[in-house]
Amino acid sequence: MTEDIQNQSISTAPELIPASMLAAYAYCPRLSYLQWVQGEFQDSAETVEGRLLHRWIDAEEDPIPEDFQPFHARSVSLSAPQAGVCCRIDLLEGDGSHVTPVEYKRGETRKGPAGPGIFEPHLIQLAAQCLALRENGFSCDEGMVYYILSKEKVPVKFDSQLLDRTGALLADMRRAVQRGELPPPLENSQRCDRCSMAGICLPDEVNLLREMGAEKEPNQERKQEGQPEEKIRMLLASRDDQVPLYVVGQGKTVRKRGERLEVWSYEEGKISEARIREISKVCLYGSAEITTPAMVELMQRNVPVLHFTHGGWFQGIALGMSHKNVQLRIQQFRWAEDEERSLSVARKIVSGKIENCRTRLRKYDPGVPSLVLTSLASLSQDAENASSLQSLLGIEGAAGKAYFSRFGEMLKVGEESFSFEGRNKRPPKDPVNSTLSYLYGILVKDLFSTLLAPRFDPYLGFYPQPRYGRPALALDMLEQFPPIIADSVAFRLFTKQSLLDTDFIKTGIGISLTAEAKRKLIAGYEQRMQTEIVHPIFGYKVSYRRVLEIQARLLSRVLSGELSEYPAFVIR
């Protein structure tokens, strides 16, 4: 692929920019781009209240009288092709051809010595409405902002300075969209503190990695120079409490009832229920079903529905169509075609995997030979310097052999242990491998759906090269996590004797899990995913479930060019 093609714009600026998105651009260009161009959105208490408010305001659209007599019209939609803006005006008050737009806001005015003030984004939104009104033949010199919380109506004069500022922002936003580049994050801004999009934007995380480099410890240079350490704020998404809903077993059906999902059994009736707003995804195993109303509701809320076989093999996913991040997929395909770029990501992933394997052995295998730990440390460094994807595969294979050579030793419980002769699969030949395969399958499922959040193509990876029907990128990202998530769950269940011989079924070709064993594994896995740890780079407490999303978001920032290299997740 030529450099000319690589540098072509991958986005086309629309003819009309909504006034609300222009206001968001005035507040934070990165926020506006994420919401409008990429179609990402995360609710907060403020956004929910604002949406409920406008649901009332926009309930009915009032027509503007043709005789231009005094009127009050609600929810008036206008477009202005010359100005390049469109808008929906909450309330339009008119006296003949002279009109005054009124914008409703849920908050309160800014207090100052000169009296109540208005946030600039609100001024810009009103000014954009003014441009649309004037282009449609109305006389408009003033607008109003009504703040519901403080019950204040503040007038806004449409002077040349405000209109020029609005026009400049329109032009700047159009250029940003045309470039197809995500604007840089704000730096140490108070605007990020209560932003519901902070967990998607990752402003502090991106700024830190850009400043220090992905391989450095946070604030390492400052520590060496004796300067005060800069604290990284924990700016997470507003909904970090959502959990998956698992439906396992024949004859189970998921139904919608109001704001809840109910799980029904043909034999037992209703067996469980959960609030829809608390569900991150729905996982259906075997012949479990879901009704159309429930499916439609989940699609509208962008909650994925995943289907698995009885044995836990991932079959497919149903997801809504709210996301529009085409740029990321274009960048992903360009990177996948470039072996050097693919190798740069793969090196970090494999090196991180080896480091996590080494850490697990060091902490949980007291008898591990020092030679094994030294070998893994050397292999991790070799992975960082691998010259090709093929050589990287050989390094990973050697590291896996060293790790699993001690795996059985970590499983011993007193005088009893499940035998482990080495890693095998398809089908697994012993209970340990059957457990690991099932847990790895759940982890791949989570990574698959997590990668869909920023709109990656989970089937197009960087290491190794893609194969038919293989979720390559999900498996790429998987490499970092088995030692610290799936393996940890297996160790805990075996060492505490939660898994017994009766939980496994011996067949002619291998070992399978009973329904009770699957429930134990899912429960143990979810407990692990909710476990909070101190992030090794950013220093704040975060759950393993949130870690998966952070890593996916950071990978997207690498592909966009915002970060120079992928920071693998490595425990200490």
Protein backbone atom coordinates (compact mmCIF):
# COMPACT_ATOMS: atom_id res chain seq x y z
CA MET A 1 0.00 0.00 0.00
CA THR A 2 1.42 3.34 -1.00
CA GLU A 3 2.01 6.21 1.36
CA ASP A 4 -0.43 8.31 -0.66
CA ILE A 5 -3.23 5.87 0.01
CA GLN A 6 -2.32 5.60 3.69
CA ASN A 7 -2.48 9.36 4.09
CA GLN A 8 -5.84 9.77 2.40
CA SER A 9 -8.69 11.04 4.55
CA ILE A 10 -10.86 8.22 5.82
CA SER A 11 -13.76 10.44 6.78
CA THR A 12 -16.06 12.73 4.89
CA ALA A 13 -17.43 15.78 6.66
CA PRO A 14 -21.23 15.90 6.61
CA GLU A 15 -23.05 18.82 5.08
CA LEU A 16 -24.84 19.78 8.30
CA ILE A 17 -23.41 19.78 11.82
CA PRO A 18 -25.97 19.54 14.66
CA ALA A 19 -25.92 22.54 16.98
CA SER A 20 -25.80 20.22 20.00
CA MET A 21 -22.63 18.54 18.71
CA LEU A 22 -21.08 21.93 17.96
CA ALA A 23 -21.75 22.86 21.59
CA ALA A 24 -20.06 19.63 22.68
CA TYR A 25 -17.10 20.51 20.43
CA ALA A 26 -16.78 23.89 22.16
CA TYR A 27 -16.74 22.05 25.50
CA CYS A 28 -14.29 19.33 24.40
CA PRO A 29 -13.39 18.52 20.77
CA ARG A 30 -12.47 14.96 21.71
CA LEU A 31 -15.84 14.38 23.43
CA SER A 32 -17.74 15.66 20.41
CA TYR A 33 -15.75 13.48 18.01
CA LEU A 34 -16.27 10.35 20.10
CA GLN A 35 -20.00 10.90 20.36
CA TRP A 36 -20.88 12.19 16.90
CA VAL A 37 -18.29 10.73 14.54
CA GLN A 38 -17.58 7.41 16.27
CA GLY A 39 -21.04 7.00 17.80
CA GLU A 40 -19.81 6.22 21.31
CA PHE A 41 -21.85 7.24 24.32
CA GLN A 42 -21.91 6.52 28.02
CA ASP A 43 -24.71 7.66 30.28
CA SER A 44 -24.32 9.47 33.57
CA ALA A 45 -26.93 10.73 36.02
CA GLU A 46 -26.76 14.15 34.32
CA THR A 47 -27.24 12.77 30.79
CA VAL A 48 -30.18 10.63 31.89
CA GLU A 49 -31.85 13.64 33.53
CA GLY A 50 -31.20 15.74 30.43
CA ARG A 51 -32.68 13.07 28.16
CA LEU A 52 -35.80 12.79 30.31
CA LEU A 53 -36.14 16.57 30.22
CA HIS A 54 -35.97 16.72 26.45
CA ARG A 55 -38.32 13.76 26.15
CA TRP A 56 -40.91 16.05 27.73
CA ILE A 57 -39.90 19.10 25.70
CA ASP A 58 -39.80 17.20 22.40
CA ALA A 59 -43.00 15.25 22.99
CA GLU A 60 -44.80 17.30 20.35
CA GLU A 61 -43.50 19.42 17.51
CA ASP A 62 -45.44 22.65 17.11
CA PRO A 63 -45.67 24.18 13.62
CA ILE A 64 -44.65 27.78 13.01
CA PRO A 65 -47.72 29.80 11.92
CA GLU A 66 -47.55 30.93 8.31
CA ASP A 67 -49.05 34.33 9.13
CA PHE A 68 -46.20 35.03 11.60
CA GLN A 69 -48.59 36.01 14.37
CA PRO A 70 -47.30 35.85 17.97
CA PHE A 71 -46.61 32.21 18.79
CA HIS A 72 -44.83 29.72 21.04
CA ALA A 73 -43.59 26.63 19.19
CA ARG A 74 -41.85 23.69 20.84
CA SER A 75 -39.27 21.34 19.36
CA VAL A 76 -38.72 23.24 16.11
CA SER A 77 -36.34 21.54 13.65
CA LEU A 78 -34.40 23.68 11.16
CA SER A 79 -31.53 23.25 8.73
CA ALA A 80 -29.24 25.88 7.25
CA PRO A 81 -27.18 24.54 4.30
CA GLN A 82 -25.25 27.77 3.80
CA ALA A 83 -24.17 27.97 7.42
CA GLY A 84 -23.68 24.17 7.48
CA VAL A 85 -25.70 23.63 10.64
CA CYS A 86 -28.94 21.98 11.73
CA CYS A 87 -30.74 22.22 15.05
CA ARG A 88 -33.79 21.41 17.11
CA ILE A 89 -34.93 24.43 19.11
CA ASP A 90 -36.54 23.61 22.46
CA LEU A 91 -38.84 26.64 22.40
CA LEU A 92 -39.25 29.32 19.74
CA GLU A 93 -41.08 32.50 20.72
CA GLY A 94 -42.16 34.72 17.83
CA ASP A 95 -43.75 38.12 17.27
CA GLY A 96 -44.22 38.56 13.54
CA SER A 97 -40.98 37.63 11.77
CA HIS A 98 -38.88 38.37 14.84
CA VAL A 99 -38.14 35.28 16.93
CA THR A 100 -36.28 34.32 20.11
CA PRO A 101 -34.96 30.78 20.61
CA VAL A 102 -35.05 29.37 24.15
CA GLU A 103 -32.75 26.51 25.14
CA TYR A 104 -33.56 24.44 28.25
CA LYS A 105 -30.67 23.18 30.41
CA ARG A 106 -30.97 21.01 33.50
CA GLY A 107 -28.24 22.74 35.55
CA GLU A 108 -27.78 26.20 36.94
CA THR A 109 -26.06 29.42 35.89
CA ARG A 110 -22.43 30.26 36.51
CA LYS A 111 -22.19 32.71 39.41
CA GLY A 112 -19.97 35.78 39.10
CA PRO A 113 -19.63 39.39 40.24
CA ALA A 114 -21.50 40.57 37.14
CA GLY A 115 -24.49 38.32 37.85
CA PRO A 116 -25.54 34.97 36.35
CA GLY A 117 -23.41 33.76 33.47
CA ILE A 118 -23.73 31.15 30.73
CA PHE A 119 -21.36 28.34 29.83
CA GLU A 120 -19.73 28.91 26.45
CA PRO A 121 -21.10 25.67 24.92
CA HIS A 122 -24.63 26.90 25.69
CA LEU A 123 -23.85 30.23 24.01
CA ILE A 124 -22.50 28.43 20.95
CA GLN A 125 -25.56 26.21 20.68
CA LEU A 126 -27.88 29.21 20.79
CA ALA A 127 -25.75 31.12 18.27
CA ALA A 128 -25.90 28.16 15.86
CA GLN A 129 -29.68 28.26 16.20
CA CYS A 130 -29.56 31.95 15.38
CA LEU A 131 -27.63 31.23 12.16
CA ALA A 132 -30.25 28.66 11.16
CA LEU A 133 -33.14 31.00 11.93
CA ARG A 134 -31.64 33.90 9.97
CA GLU A 135 -30.98 31.67 6.97
CA ASN A 136 -34.66 30.64 7.06
CA GLY A 137 -35.85 34.26 6.86
CA PHE A 138 -36.35 35.15 10.52
CA SER A 139 -35.05 38.18 12.38
CA CYS A 140 -33.18 36.99 15.45
CA ASP A 141 -31.09 39.24 17.71
CA GLU A 142 -31.41 37.55 21.08
CA GLY A 143 -31.89 34.12 22.64
CA MET A 144 -32.55 32.72 26.09
CA VAL A 145 -31.13 29.91 28.19
CA TYR A 146 -33.42 28.60 30.89
CA TYR A 147 -31.65 26.74 33.70
CA ILE A 148 -34.11 24.42 35.38
CA LEU A 149 -32.18 23.81 38.61
CA SER A 150 -31.72 27.50 39.41
CA LYS A 151 -34.98 28.50 37.63
CA GLU A 152 -33.25 31.36 35.83
CA LYS A 153 -33.79 32.63 32.31
CA VAL A 154 -30.64 34.34 31.03
CA PRO A 155 -30.71 36.45 27.83
CA VAL A 156 -28.02 36.06 25.16
CA LYS A 157 -27.22 38.82 22.64
CA PHE A 158 -26.16 37.56 19.21
CA ASP A 159 -23.37 40.04 18.59
CA SER A 160 -20.74 39.72 15.86
CA GLN A 161 -18.11 38.38 18.26
CA LEU A 162 -20.29 35.42 19.31
CA LEU A 163 -21.40 34.65 15.75
CA ASP A 164 -17.84 34.83 14.45
CA ARG A 165 -16.71 32.47 17.20
CA THR A 166 -19.53 30.07 16.25
CA GLY A 167 -18.57 30.20 12.58
CA ALA A 168 -14.92 29.54 13.42
CA LEU A 169 -15.88 26.51 15.54
CA LEU A 170 -18.05 25.16 12.71
CA ALA A 171 -15.12 25.40 10.30
CA ASP A 172 -12.69 23.88 12.81
CA MET A 173 -15.02 20.97 13.60
CA ARG A 174 -15.59 20.29 9.92
CA ARG A 175 -11.81 20.13 9.35
CA ALA A 176 -11.40 17.75 12.29
CA VAL A 177 -14.07 15.43 10.91
CA GLN A 178 -12.57 15.64 7.41
CA ARG A 179 -9.16 14.60 8.73
CA GLY A 180 -10.69 11.58 10.42
CA GLU A 181 -8.42 12.00 13.44
CA LEU A 182 -9.50 11.82 17.07
CA PRO A 183 -8.62 15.18 18.73
CA PRO A 184 -6.07 14.97 21.57
CA PRO A 185 -7.34 14.65 25.16
CA LEU A 186 -7.55 17.60 27.50
CA GLU A 187 -4.72 17.88 30.02
CA ASN A 188 -5.51 17.96 33.74
CA SER A 189 -8.89 19.49 32.99
CA GLN A 190 -11.68 19.65 35.55
CA ARG A 191 -14.05 18.96 32.68
CA CYS A 192 -12.89 15.34 32.74
CA ASP A 193 -13.76 14.79 36.42
CA ARG A 194 -17.50 14.27 35.92
CA CYS A 195 -17.49 13.33 32.24
CA SER A 196 -19.30 10.05 31.59
CA MET A 197 -17.04 9.49 28.57
CA ALA A 198 -13.79 9.54 30.58
CA GLY A 199 -13.62 5.74 30.66
CA ILE A 200 -13.77 5.69 26.87
CA CYS A 201 -11.60 8.76 26.25
CA LEU A 202 -8.85 7.82 28.78
CA PRO A 203 -7.44 11.37 28.94
CA ASP A 204 -4.99 10.95 31.81
CA GLU A 205 -3.91 7.49 30.68
CA VAL A 206 -3.18 8.59 27.13
CA ASN A 207 -1.34 11.72 28.26
CA LEU A 208 0.79 9.72 30.70
CA LEU A 209 1.75 7.09 28.12
CA ARG A 210 2.54 9.74 25.54
CA GLU A 211 4.73 11.63 28.00
CA MET A 212 6.57 8.78 29.62
CA GLY A 213 6.50 6.02 26.99
CA ALA A 214 4.70 2.73 27.32
CA GLU A 215 7.67 0.82 28.76
CA LYS A 216 8.50 3.20 31.58
CA GLU A 217 7.14 3.07 35.06
CA PRO A 218 4.77 5.93 35.80
CA ASN A 219 6.58 9.06 36.89
CA GLN A 220 9.92 7.25 36.77
CA GLU A 221 11.82 10.30 35.58
CA ARG A 222 10.25 12.49 38.24
CA LYS A 223 11.25 9.99 40.93
CA GLN A 224 14.84 10.03 39.74
CA GLU A 225 14.92 13.80 39.75
CA GLY A 226 13.32 14.05 43.19
CA GLN A 227 10.26 15.86 41.85
CA PRO A 228 6.78 15.32 43.30
CA GLU A 229 4.90 12.42 41.77
CA GLU A 230 1.92 13.33 39.59
CA LYS A 231 -1.21 11.43 40.59
CA ILE A 232 -3.25 9.85 37.82
CA ARG A 233 -6.95 10.38 38.33
CA MET A 234 -9.28 7.39 38.29
CA LEU A 235 -11.58 8.57 35.52
CA LEU A 236 -13.70 5.53 34.81
CA ALA A 237 -16.96 5.07 32.98
CA SER A 238 -20.02 5.85 35.05
CA ARG A 239 -21.26 2.26 34.77
CA ASP A 240 -18.57 -0.03 36.11
CA ASP A 241 -21.06 -2.22 37.96
CA GLN A 242 -22.69 -4.04 35.05
CA VAL A 243 -22.20 -7.82 34.96
CA PRO A 244 -22.98 -10.57 32.43
CA LEU A 245 -26.15 -12.66 32.63
CA TYR A 246 -25.42 -16.36 32.03
CA VAL A 247 -28.21 -18.72 30.99
CA VAL A 248 -27.05 -22.35 31.03
CA GLY A 249 -29.22 -25.42 30.51
CA GLN A 250 -31.90 -26.83 28.28
CA GLY A 251 -35.39 -25.36 28.36
CA LYS A 252 -34.33 -21.87 29.57
CA THR A 253 -35.84 -18.70 28.04
CA VAL A 254 -34.95 -15.04 28.62
CA ARG A 255 -37.98 -12.72 28.64
CA LYS A 256 -38.46 -8.97 29.04
CA ARG A 257 -40.80 -7.64 31.69
CA GLY A 258 -40.70 -3.88 32.12
CA GLU A 259 -37.15 -2.83 33.00
CA ARG A 260 -36.11 -6.37 33.88
CA LEU A 261 -35.03 -9.55 32.19
CA GLU A 262 -36.52 -12.77 33.55
CA VAL A 263 -35.14 -16.28 33.05
CA TRP A 264 -37.85 -18.93 32.77
CA SER A 265 -37.62 -22.70 32.76
CA TYR A 266 -40.16 -24.99 31.15
CA GLU A 267 -40.16 -27.16 34.28
CA GLU A 268 -39.62 -24.65 37.13
CA GLY A 269 -41.23 -21.42 35.88
CA LYS A 270 -39.39 -18.16 36.64
CA ILE A 271 -36.00 -18.95 38.18
CA SER A 272 -34.23 -15.57 38.21
CA GLU A 273 -34.43 -11.93 37.13
CA ALA A 274 -32.13 -8.93 36.74
CA ARG A 275 -32.43 -5.21 35.98
CA ILE A 276 -31.56 -4.54 32.34
CA ARG A 277 -29.45 -1.50 33.27
CA GLU A 278 -27.23 -3.76 35.41
CA ILE A 279 -26.50 -6.24 32.59
CA SER A 280 -23.36 -5.88 30.47
CA LYS A 281 -24.07 -8.85 28.16
CA VAL A 282 -26.32 -11.92 27.92
CA CYS A 283 -24.61 -15.30 27.41
CA LEU A 284 -26.82 -18.15 26.16
CA TYR A 285 -25.46 -21.71 26.33
CA GLY A 286 -26.81 -24.66 24.37
CA SER A 287 -30.52 -24.46 23.56
CA ALA A 288 -31.24 -21.47 25.83
CA GLU A 289 -33.55 -18.98 24.08
CA ILE A 290 -34.40 -15.28 24.15
CA THR A 291 -37.67 -13.64 23.10
CA THR A 292 -37.86 -10.99 20.37
CA PRO A 293 -38.95 -8.16 22.72
CA ALA A 294 -35.98 -8.91 24.99
CA MET A 295 -33.61 -9.04 22.02
CA VAL A 296 -34.86 -5.72 20.60
CA GLU A 297 -34.55 -3.99 23.98
CA LEU A 298 -30.97 -5.20 24.41
CA MET A 299 -30.05 -4.10 20.88
CA GLN A 300 -31.44 -0.63 21.55
CA ARG A 301 -29.29 -0.43 24.69
CA ASN A 302 -26.25 -1.82 22.85
CA VAL A 303 -26.06 -4.85 25.16
CA PRO A 304 -24.64 -7.83 23.23
CA VAL A 305 -26.25 -11.28 23.22
CA LEU A 306 -23.72 -14.10 22.83
CA HIS A 307 -24.47 -17.71 21.87
CA PHE A 308 -22.42 -20.75 22.90
CA THR A 309 -22.61 -24.49 22.45
CA HIS A 310 -23.32 -26.78 25.40
CA GLY A 311 -19.56 -27.29 25.68
CA GLY A 312 -18.82 -23.56 25.81
CA TRP A 313 -17.66 -22.96 22.21
CA PHE A 314 -18.45 -19.44 21.10
CA GLN A 315 -20.92 -19.46 18.16
CA GLY A 316 -22.00 -15.87 17.48
CA ILE A 317 -23.11 -12.49 18.76
CA ALA A 318 -26.07 -10.15 18.25
CA LEU A 319 -25.46 -6.44 18.77
CA GLY A 320 -27.19 -3.16 18.01
CA MET A 321 -26.05 -0.69 15.35
CA SER A 322 -25.32 2.42 17.41
CA HIS A 323 -21.56 2.56 16.75
CA LYS A 324 -20.06 4.31 13.71
CA ASN A 325 -16.27 4.02 14.19
CA VAL A 326 -15.34 3.10 10.62
CA GLN A 327 -11.95 4.80 10.94
CA LEU A 328 -10.73 2.28 13.50
CA ARG A 329 -11.53 -0.70 11.28
CA ILE A 330 -9.78 0.94 8.32
CA GLN A 331 -6.73 1.53 10.51
CA GLN A 332 -6.90 -2.06 11.77
CA PHE A 333 -6.86 -3.46 8.23
CA ARG A 334 -3.92 -1.23 7.30
CA TRP A 335 -1.95 -2.42 10.31
CA ALA A 336 -2.77 -6.08 9.63
CA GLU A 337 -1.35 -5.70 6.10
CA ASP A 338 1.89 -4.25 7.46
CA GLU A 339 4.05 -7.01 9.00
CA GLU A 340 6.31 -4.58 10.86
CA ARG A 341 3.36 -2.83 12.49
CA SER A 342 1.73 -6.16 13.35
CA LEU A 343 5.01 -7.36 14.81
CA SER A 344 5.31 -4.24 17.01
CA VAL A 345 2.00 -5.11 18.71
CA ALA A 346 2.68 -8.85 18.85
CA ARG A 347 6.06 -8.33 20.55
CA LYS A 348 4.43 -6.45 23.42
CA ILE A 349 1.61 -8.97 23.82
CA VAL A 350 3.89 -12.04 23.89
CA SER A 351 6.45 -10.37 26.14
CA GLY A 352 3.65 -9.40 28.53
CA LYS A 353 2.28 -12.95 28.50
CA ILE A 354 5.68 -14.42 29.39
CA GLU A 355 6.17 -11.89 32.21
CA ASN A 356 2.77 -12.80 33.66
CA CYS A 357 3.61 -16.53 33.48
CA ARG A 358 6.90 -15.87 35.25
CA THR A 359 5.23 -13.81 37.97
CA ARG A 360 2.65 -16.54 38.62
CA LEU A 361 5.36 -19.19 39.00
CA ARG A 362 7.44 -16.92 41.23
CA LYS A 363 4.49 -16.28 43.58
CA TYR A 364 2.71 -19.62 43.65
CA ASP A 365 5.36 -22.27 42.98
CA PRO A 366 7.84 -22.24 45.91
CA GLY A 367 9.82 -25.08 44.36
CA VAL A 368 10.25 -23.56 40.92
CA PRO A 369 13.87 -23.91 39.77
CA SER A 370 15.65 -20.60 39.34
CA LEU A 371 16.66 -21.81 35.88
CA VAL A 372 12.99 -21.75 34.80
CA LEU A 373 12.50 -18.17 36.02
CA THR A 374 15.75 -17.07 34.38
CA SER A 375 14.73 -18.73 31.14
CA LEU A 376 11.34 -17.00 31.14
CA ALA A 377 12.94 -13.62 31.81
CA SER A 378 15.31 -14.18 28.90
CA LEU A 379 12.45 -15.30 26.62
CA SER A 380 10.46 -12.19 27.53
CA GLN A 381 13.38 -10.03 26.42
CA ASP A 382 13.76 -12.14 23.26
CA ALA A 383 10.10 -11.49 22.48
CA GLU A 384 10.68 -7.74 22.76
CA ASN A 385 13.42 -8.03 20.13
CA ALA A 386 11.90 -10.68 17.84
CA SER A 387 12.70 -10.07 14.18
CA SER A 388 9.63 -11.79 12.72
CA LEU A 389 6.23 -13.17 13.61
CA GLN A 390 7.54 -16.68 12.96
CA SER A 391 10.42 -16.30 15.42
CA LEU A 392 7.98 -14.84 17.94
CA LEU A 393 5.87 -18.00 17.66
CA GLY A 394 8.92 -20.08 18.54
CA ILE A 395 9.70 -17.88 21.56
CA GLU A 396 6.12 -18.13 22.80
CA GLY A 397 6.17 -21.92 22.36
CA ALA A 398 9.33 -22.26 24.43
CA ALA A 399 7.89 -20.05 27.17
CA GLY A 400 4.63 -22.03 27.24
CA LYS A 401 6.54 -25.30 27.59
CA ALA A 402 8.52 -23.90 30.53
CA TYR A 403 5.39 -22.54 32.23
CA PHE A 404 3.28 -25.66 31.88
CA SER A 405 6.19 -27.85 33.02
CA ARG A 406 5.49 -26.47 36.52
CA PHE A 407 1.72 -26.18 36.20
CA GLY A 408 0.99 -29.49 37.88
CA GLU A 409 3.14 -28.62 40.88
CA MET A 410 0.97 -25.58 41.60
CA LEU A 411 -2.19 -27.72 41.61
CA LYS A 412 -1.18 -30.03 44.48
CA VAL A 413 -3.42 -30.05 47.55
CA GLY A 414 -1.81 -32.00 50.37
CA GLU A 415 -1.44 -35.56 49.16
CA GLU A 416 -4.10 -35.23 46.44
CA SER A 417 -3.84 -33.59 43.06
CA PHE A 418 -5.40 -33.75 39.67
CA SER A 419 -2.89 -35.15 37.25
CA PHE A 420 -1.50 -32.79 34.65
CA GLU A 421 0.85 -34.14 32.03
CA GLY A 422 0.85 -31.04 29.84
CA ARG A 423 -1.51 -28.79 27.89
CA ASN A 424 -3.88 -30.58 25.50
CA LYS A 425 -7.20 -29.65 23.90
CA ARG A 426 -9.82 -30.44 21.24
CA PRO A 427 -10.83 -32.51 23.08
CA PRO A 428 -9.14 -32.09 26.48
CA LYS A 429 -7.87 -35.38 27.85
CA ASP A 430 -8.04 -34.67 31.61
CA PRO A 431 -10.07 -32.56 34.09
CA VAL A 432 -7.44 -29.81 34.36
CA ASN A 433 -7.26 -29.25 30.62
CA SER A 434 -11.06 -29.43 30.36
CA THR A 435 -11.31 -26.72 33.02
CA LEU A 436 -8.69 -24.52 31.36
CA SER A 437 -10.32 -24.82 27.93
CA TYR A 438 -13.71 -23.82 29.32
CA LEU A 439 -12.28 -20.84 31.20
CA TYR A 440 -10.25 -19.72 28.19
CA GLY A 441 -13.46 -19.88 26.15
CA ILE A 442 -15.25 -17.57 28.59
CA LEU A 443 -12.30 -15.16 28.54
CA VAL A 444 -12.26 -15.12 24.72
CA LYS A 445 -15.98 -14.34 24.78
CA ASP A 446 -15.40 -11.36 27.06
CA LEU A 447 -12.54 -10.10 24.90
CA PHE A 448 -14.62 -10.56 21.74
CA SER A 449 -17.45 -8.38 23.05
CA THR A 450 -15.01 -5.91 24.62
CA LEU A 451 -13.28 -5.40 21.27
CA LEU A 452 -16.64 -4.65 19.69
CA ALA A 453 -17.14 -1.68 22.03
CA PRO A 454 -14.68 0.58 20.13
CA ARG A 455 -15.66 -1.36 16.95
CA PHE A 456 -12.62 -3.49 16.21
CA ASP A 457 -13.05 -6.42 13.86
CA PRO A 458 -12.38 -9.30 16.30
CA TYR A 459 -11.52 -11.64 13.42
CA LEU A 460 -8.61 -9.57 12.12
CA GLY A 461 -5.55 -9.90 14.32
CA PHE A 462 -1.85 -9.23 14.20
CA TYR A 463 -0.37 -12.38 15.71
CA PRO A 464 -0.39 -14.92 14.21
CA GLN A 465 -1.91 -14.13 10.82
CA PRO A 466 -5.68 -14.50 10.50
CA ARG A 467 -7.27 -17.90 9.87
CA TYR A 468 -10.77 -18.76 8.64
CA GLY A 469 -13.38 -18.64 11.40
CA ARG A 470 -10.85 -17.66 14.05
CA PRO A 471 -11.44 -14.54 16.21
CA ALA A 472 -7.79 -13.64 15.77
CA LEU A 473 -7.73 -10.27 17.52
CA ALA A 474 -9.63 -11.62 20.53
CA LEU A 475 -7.10 -14.44 20.74
CA ASP A 476 -4.24 -11.95 20.37
CA MET A 477 -5.49 -9.98 23.36
CA LEU A 478 -6.14 -13.21 25.23
CA GLU A 479 -2.41 -13.96 25.40
CA GLN A 480 -1.85 -11.47 28.25
CA PHE A 481 -4.54 -12.75 30.60
CA PRO A 482 -4.71 -16.58 31.09
CA PRO A 483 -2.03 -16.72 33.85
CA ILE A 484 -3.69 -13.96 35.89
CA ILE A 485 -7.38 -14.68 35.22
CA ALA A 486 -8.29 -18.14 33.86
CA ASP A 487 -5.39 -20.05 35.42
CA SER A 488 -5.96 -18.28 38.72
CA VAL A 489 -9.61 -19.38 38.76
CA ALA A 490 -8.62 -22.99 37.98
CA PHE A 491 -6.01 -23.06 40.75
CA ARG A 492 -8.46 -21.68 43.28
CA LEU A 493 -11.20 -24.16 42.45
CA PHE A 494 -8.88 -27.17 42.44
CA THR A 495 -6.87 -26.24 45.53
CA LYS A 496 -10.01 -25.51 47.57
CA GLN A 497 -11.48 -28.80 46.30
CA SER A 498 -14.48 -27.02 44.82
CA LEU A 499 -14.02 -29.19 41.74
CA LEU A 500 -14.31 -32.93 42.32
CA ASP A 501 -14.10 -36.06 40.18
CA THR A 502 -17.90 -36.07 39.97
CA ASP A 503 -17.83 -32.74 38.12
CA PHE A 504 -16.25 -34.36 35.07
CA ILE A 505 -17.64 -36.81 32.54
CA LYS A 506 -15.30 -39.27 30.87
CA THR A 507 -16.14 -39.95 27.25
CA GLY A 508 -14.53 -42.08 24.61
CA ILE A 509 -12.46 -39.20 23.27
CA GLY A 510 -11.90 -36.91 26.22
CA ILE A 511 -13.26 -35.19 29.34
CA SER A 512 -16.30 -32.91 29.51
CA LEU A 513 -17.87 -30.84 32.28
CA THR A 514 -21.16 -31.42 34.05
CA ALA A 515 -23.74 -28.63 34.24
CA GLU A 516 -22.84 -28.16 37.92
CA ALA A 517 -19.14 -27.85 37.04
CA LYS A 518 -19.93 -25.18 34.45
CA ARG A 519 -21.85 -23.19 37.04
CA LYS A 520 -18.87 -23.42 39.41
CA LEU A 521 -16.47 -22.24 36.72
CA ILE A 522 -18.69 -19.31 35.68
CA ALA A 523 -19.14 -18.24 39.31
CA GLY A 524 -15.40 -18.46 39.97
CA TYR A 525 -14.61 -16.58 36.78
CA GLU A 526 -17.02 -13.75 37.54
CA GLN A 527 -15.65 -13.45 41.06
CA ARG A 528 -12.16 -13.07 39.58
CA MET A 529 -13.34 -10.48 37.03
CA GLN A 530 -14.83 -8.37 39.83
CA THR A 531 -11.59 -8.50 41.83
CA GLU A 532 -9.91 -5.10 42.10
CA ILE A 533 -6.18 -4.65 41.71
CA VAL A 534 -3.84 -1.68 41.56
CA HIS A 535 -3.17 -0.94 37.90
CA PRO A 536 0.57 -1.52 37.28
CA ILE A 537 0.92 1.61 35.10
CA PHE A 538 -1.74 4.08 36.24
CA GLY A 539 -1.74 3.32 39.96
CA TYR A 540 -5.50 3.36 40.63
CA LYS A 541 -7.68 0.44 41.70
CA VAL A 542 -9.51 -1.26 38.88
CA SER A 543 -11.38 -4.54 38.30
CA TYR A 544 -10.09 -7.17 35.89
CA ARG A 545 -13.26 -6.66 33.83
CA ARG A 546 -12.41 -2.99 33.44
CA VAL A 547 -8.79 -3.90 32.62
CA LEU A 548 -9.96 -5.69 29.46
CA GLU A 549 -11.72 -2.55 28.24
CA ILE A 550 -8.78 -0.30 29.08
CA GLN A 551 -6.44 -2.53 27.05
CA ALA A 552 -8.81 -2.55 24.08
CA ARG A 553 -9.08 1.25 24.20
CA LEU A 554 -5.30 1.64 24.43
CA LEU A 555 -4.85 -0.63 21.41
CA SER A 556 -7.21 1.61 19.44
CA ARG A 557 -5.09 4.62 20.40
CA VAL A 558 -2.00 2.83 19.08
CA LEU A 559 -3.65 2.15 15.72
CA SER A 560 -4.76 5.78 15.46
CA GLY A 561 -1.20 6.97 16.03
CA GLU A 562 -2.00 8.62 19.35
CA LEU A 563 0.31 6.18 21.20
CA SER A 564 3.61 4.99 19.78
CA GLU A 565 3.45 1.43 21.16
CA TYR A 566 1.01 -0.94 22.85
CA PRO A 567 1.41 -1.15 26.65
CA ALA A 568 0.76 -4.80 27.53
CA PHE A 569 -0.90 -5.53 30.86
CA VAL A 570 1.81 -6.97 33.10
CA ILE A 571 1.30 -7.75 36.78
CA ARG A 572 4.10 -7.08 39.27
